Amino acid sequence: METGLNLDWSIAVNALPFLLTGAKLTIIITVVGLLIGFFIGAITGLARTSSNKLFSGISTVYVEIIRGTPILVQALYLYFGVNQLLQHSAGFKIGSTTAGIIAIAINSGAYISEIVRGSIQSIDKGQVEAGRSLGMSSFKTFIYIVWPQALKRMIPPLGNQFIISLKDTSLFAFISVAELTRQGQMSVSATFAAFEIYTFVALLYLCMTMSISLVLRVVERRLDVN
């Protein structure tokens, strides 16, 4: 009786086009979600550094809620919970891919908010005072002195957030988003070649994350980020 495992890598090779389609959607969801997330994070990060207690309080509550709940729960809440309300009140629902993008945007926005806040607060107050002493307004001091330096310091943590968010998209298989993991699941269901298919899925994730890391290192060296 044969007890050995007969691996057929040609099955994974044949499934590669489907996996690459999923990888493409993974990148799209990540990039679009992070672009929106950066906008959210920039606003809430600035609000958290504001002396206005209302703005600071609202942004703090948002950050704490999002950071205190798993992204999978957030995606499930959006796709099933919010959609239930939308269907009953407005007669429409958001698609699974849209729900995934929104989940990435909201989730990454909370973490980017902390990156923005920390980067701004890391700038020496003496530079702000120097700008003000030259007759610059608070707004111009921030735009021309504080923000460029803070943005430079945000690059490494933003790159890390990119990698984290990209890997988080794998959880959207639970809401039927046809990203890389979901495509892998469907290929395994059709072929029963779990070892071969998931090996390729893992390698594709590795290729994407390593590519991001390499690009990030080049950018850091070019900008001399320290």
Protein backbone atom coordinates (compact mmCIF):
# COMPACT_ATOMS: atom_id res chain seq x y z
CA MET A 1 0.00 0.00 0.00
CA GLU A 2 1.37 3.43 -0.97
CA THR A 3 1.76 5.86 1.89
CA GLY A 4 3.90 8.49 0.20
CA LEU A 5 2.56 11.86 -0.89
CA ASN A 6 2.64 12.29 -4.66
CA LEU A 7 3.02 15.96 -5.42
CA ASP A 8 2.02 17.31 -8.81
CA TRP A 9 3.39 20.83 -9.22
CA SER A 10 1.87 21.12 -12.69
CA ILE A 11 -1.49 21.60 -10.97
CA ALA A 12 -0.17 24.70 -9.20
CA VAL A 13 1.41 25.94 -12.42
CA ASN A 14 -1.92 25.56 -14.24
CA ALA A 15 -3.64 27.44 -11.39
CA LEU A 16 -1.10 30.27 -11.53
CA PRO A 17 -3.17 32.54 -13.85
CA PHE A 18 -6.05 32.41 -11.34
CA LEU A 19 -3.67 33.09 -8.46
CA LEU A 20 -2.12 36.03 -10.32
CA THR A 21 -5.59 37.46 -10.91
CA GLY A 22 -6.14 37.26 -7.16
CA ALA A 23 -2.74 38.84 -6.50
CA LYS A 24 -3.65 41.73 -8.82
CA LEU A 25 -6.87 42.35 -6.88
CA THR A 26 -4.92 42.10 -3.62
CA ILE A 27 -2.61 44.90 -4.77
CA ILE A 28 -5.51 47.04 -6.01
CA ILE A 29 -7.40 46.72 -2.72
CA THR A 30 -4.24 47.50 -0.75
CA VAL A 31 -3.18 50.54 -2.79
CA VAL A 32 -6.65 52.11 -3.04
CA GLY A 33 -7.40 51.36 0.59
CA LEU A 34 -4.11 52.84 1.77
CA LEU A 35 -4.49 55.99 -0.32
CA ILE A 36 -7.84 56.63 1.34
CA GLY A 37 -6.38 55.50 4.65
CA PHE A 38 -3.55 58.03 4.36
CA PHE A 39 -6.07 60.81 3.81
CA ILE A 40 -8.05 59.66 6.87
CA GLY A 41 -4.88 59.19 8.90
CA ALA A 42 -3.48 62.60 7.96
CA ILE A 43 -6.67 64.36 9.05
CA THR A 44 -7.08 62.41 12.29
CA GLY A 45 -3.36 62.62 13.03
CA LEU A 46 -3.46 66.40 12.69
CA ALA A 47 -6.62 66.48 14.80
CA ARG A 48 -4.85 64.56 17.56
CA THR A 49 -2.12 67.19 17.69
CA SER A 50 -4.71 69.97 17.73
CA SER A 51 -5.46 72.01 20.85
CA ASN A 52 -9.16 71.72 19.96
CA LYS A 53 -10.53 69.17 22.43
CA LEU A 54 -13.50 68.24 20.23
CA PHE A 55 -11.35 67.35 17.20
CA SER A 56 -8.75 65.65 19.37
CA GLY A 57 -11.41 63.68 21.26
CA ILE A 58 -13.25 62.45 18.16
CA SER A 59 -10.04 61.35 16.46
CA THR A 60 -8.85 59.60 19.63
CA VAL A 61 -12.11 57.64 19.94
CA TYR A 62 -11.83 56.59 16.27
CA VAL A 63 -8.24 55.43 16.67
CA GLU A 64 -8.92 53.50 19.88
CA ILE A 65 -12.00 51.73 18.47
CA ILE A 66 -10.30 50.68 15.25
CA ARG A 67 -7.03 49.64 16.89
CA GLY A 68 -8.97 47.74 19.53
CA THR A 69 -10.90 45.53 17.09
CA PRO A 70 -9.61 42.99 14.52
CA ILE A 71 -9.76 43.96 10.86
CA LEU A 72 -11.65 40.74 10.11
CA VAL A 73 -14.42 41.79 12.49
CA GLN A 74 -14.46 45.23 10.84
CA ALA A 75 -14.80 43.65 7.38
CA LEU A 76 -17.57 41.30 8.56
CA TYR A 77 -19.34 44.22 10.22
CA LEU A 78 -19.20 46.24 7.01
CA TYR A 79 -20.20 43.46 4.63
CA PHE A 80 -22.91 41.81 6.70
CA GLY A 81 -23.91 44.29 9.40
CA VAL A 82 -23.84 47.59 7.51
CA ASN A 83 -25.21 45.94 4.38
CA GLN A 84 -28.18 44.65 6.34
CA LEU A 85 -29.01 48.22 7.37
CA LEU A 86 -28.44 49.56 3.85
CA GLN A 87 -30.69 46.97 2.26
CA HIS A 88 -33.53 47.72 4.66
CA SER A 89 -33.19 51.50 4.57
CA ALA A 90 -31.87 52.31 1.07
CA GLY A 91 -32.42 49.13 -0.92
CA PHE A 92 -28.82 48.57 -1.96
CA LYS A 93 -25.66 46.95 -0.62
CA ILE A 94 -21.92 47.40 -0.99
CA GLY A 95 -19.97 44.70 -2.80
CA SER A 96 -17.42 42.49 -1.13
CA THR A 97 -14.46 44.16 -2.87
CA THR A 98 -15.72 47.61 -1.91
CA ALA A 99 -16.18 46.42 1.67
CA GLY A 100 -12.59 45.18 1.63
CA ILE A 101 -11.26 48.52 0.39
CA ILE A 102 -13.27 50.41 3.02
CA ALA A 103 -12.01 48.05 5.74
CA ILE A 104 -8.38 48.60 4.69
CA ALA A 105 -8.95 52.38 4.54
CA ILE A 106 -10.58 52.63 7.95
CA ASN A 107 -8.16 50.20 9.61
CA SER A 108 -4.97 51.62 8.12
CA GLY A 109 -6.23 55.16 8.73
CA ALA A 110 -6.15 54.59 12.48
CA TYR A 111 -2.56 53.35 12.42
CA ILE A 112 -1.45 56.01 9.94
CA SER A 113 -3.00 58.59 12.28
CA GLU A 114 -0.53 57.54 14.95
CA ILE A 115 2.32 57.63 12.44
CA VAL A 116 1.39 61.16 11.42
CA ARG A 117 0.96 62.33 15.01
CA GLY A 118 4.26 60.82 16.13
CA SER A 119 6.17 62.21 13.13
CA ILE A 120 4.84 65.74 13.66
CA GLN A 121 5.56 65.69 17.37
CA SER A 122 9.10 64.45 16.71
CA ILE A 123 10.05 67.71 14.98
CA ASP A 124 12.06 69.97 17.28
CA LYS A 125 9.92 72.82 18.59
CA GLY A 126 12.91 75.11 18.08
CA GLN A 127 12.36 74.86 14.33
CA VAL A 128 8.77 76.00 14.73
CA GLU A 129 9.91 78.92 16.86
CA ALA A 130 12.55 79.80 14.27
CA GLY A 131 9.92 79.89 11.55
CA ARG A 132 7.67 82.07 13.64
CA SER A 133 10.56 84.43 14.43
CA LEU A 134 11.08 84.91 10.69
CA GLY A 135 7.55 86.24 10.43
CA MET A 136 5.94 83.08 9.04
CA SER A 137 2.36 82.31 10.06
CA SER A 138 1.56 79.11 11.97
CA PHE A 139 0.14 77.62 8.77
CA LYS A 140 3.19 78.46 6.65
CA THR A 141 5.52 77.24 9.39
CA PHE A 142 3.73 73.92 9.39
CA ILE A 143 3.56 73.59 5.59
CA TYR A 144 7.13 74.65 4.80
CA ILE A 145 9.06 73.52 7.88
CA VAL A 146 7.23 70.88 9.93
CA TRP A 147 5.32 68.83 7.33
CA PRO A 148 8.20 68.13 4.88
CA GLN A 149 10.39 66.80 7.69
CA ALA A 150 7.54 64.84 9.26
CA LEU A 151 6.60 63.31 5.90
CA LYS A 152 10.17 62.14 5.44
CA ARG A 153 10.09 60.42 8.82
CA MET A 154 6.79 58.74 7.99
CA ILE A 155 8.23 56.74 5.09
CA PRO A 156 9.57 53.68 7.01
CA PRO A 157 6.43 53.13 9.15
CA LEU A 158 4.17 53.79 6.14
CA GLY A 159 6.07 51.12 4.23
CA ASN A 160 5.54 48.70 7.09
CA GLN A 161 1.84 49.56 7.12
CA PHE A 162 1.69 48.82 3.39
CA ILE A 163 3.02 45.31 4.03
CA ILE A 164 0.68 44.75 6.98
CA SER A 165 -2.37 45.89 5.01
CA LEU A 166 -1.41 43.77 2.02
CA LYS A 167 -1.28 40.66 4.21
CA ASP A 168 -4.51 41.66 5.95
CA THR A 169 -6.36 41.39 2.64
CA SER A 170 -6.06 37.60 2.95
CA LEU A 171 -8.76 37.78 5.64
CA PHE A 172 -11.24 39.11 3.09
CA ALA A 173 -11.59 35.58 1.75
CA PHE A 174 -14.18 35.28 4.55
CA ILE A 175 -16.40 37.81 2.75
CA SER A 176 -15.78 36.19 -0.67
CA VAL A 177 -13.41 38.82 -2.06
CA ALA A 178 -11.62 37.13 -4.98
CA GLU A 179 -8.16 38.13 -3.78
CA LEU A 180 -5.14 35.83 -3.69
CA THR A 181 -6.12 33.67 -0.71
CA ARG A 182 -9.68 33.23 -1.96
CA GLN A 183 -8.43 32.23 -5.42
CA GLY A 184 -6.14 29.75 -3.72
CA GLN A 185 -9.05 28.29 -1.75
CA MET A 186 -11.14 27.89 -4.89
CA SER A 187 -8.24 26.26 -6.76
CA VAL A 188 -7.72 23.80 -3.89
CA SER A 189 -11.45 22.97 -3.87
CA ALA A 190 -11.26 22.15 -7.58
CA THR A 191 -7.98 20.21 -7.58
CA PHE A 192 -7.50 18.98 -3.97
CA ALA A 193 -3.82 19.91 -4.36
CA ALA A 194 -3.64 21.90 -1.12
CA PHE A 195 0.12 21.63 -0.59
CA GLU A 196 1.05 22.73 -4.09
CA ILE A 197 -1.52 25.53 -4.39
CA TYR A 198 -0.91 27.06 -0.97
CA THR A 199 2.84 26.89 -1.53
CA PHE A 200 2.37 29.07 -4.60
CA VAL A 201 0.02 31.38 -2.68
CA ALA A 202 2.63 31.84 0.04
CA LEU A 203 5.38 32.47 -2.52
CA LEU A 204 3.27 35.13 -4.26
CA TYR A 205 2.69 36.92 -0.96
CA LEU A 206 6.41 36.68 -0.24
CA CYS A 207 7.28 38.14 -3.64
CA MET A 208 4.92 41.08 -3.09
CA THR A 209 6.10 41.87 0.43
CA MET A 210 9.77 41.52 -0.48
CA SER A 211 9.30 43.82 -3.47
CA ILE A 212 7.74 46.45 -1.22
CA SER A 213 10.61 46.09 1.25
CA LEU A 214 13.22 46.53 -1.50
CA VAL A 215 11.49 49.63 -2.90
CA LEU A 216 11.22 51.05 0.60
CA ARG A 217 14.93 50.57 1.24
CA VAL A 218 15.80 52.35 -2.01
CA VAL A 219 13.52 55.27 -1.13
CA GLU A 220 15.00 55.49 2.38
CA ARG A 221 18.54 55.57 0.98
CA ARG A 222 17.63 58.20 -1.63
CA LEU A 223 16.00 60.44 0.95
CA ASP A 224 18.57 59.58 3.63
CA VAL A 225 15.80 58.78 6.12
CA ASN A 226 17.13 58.43 9.65
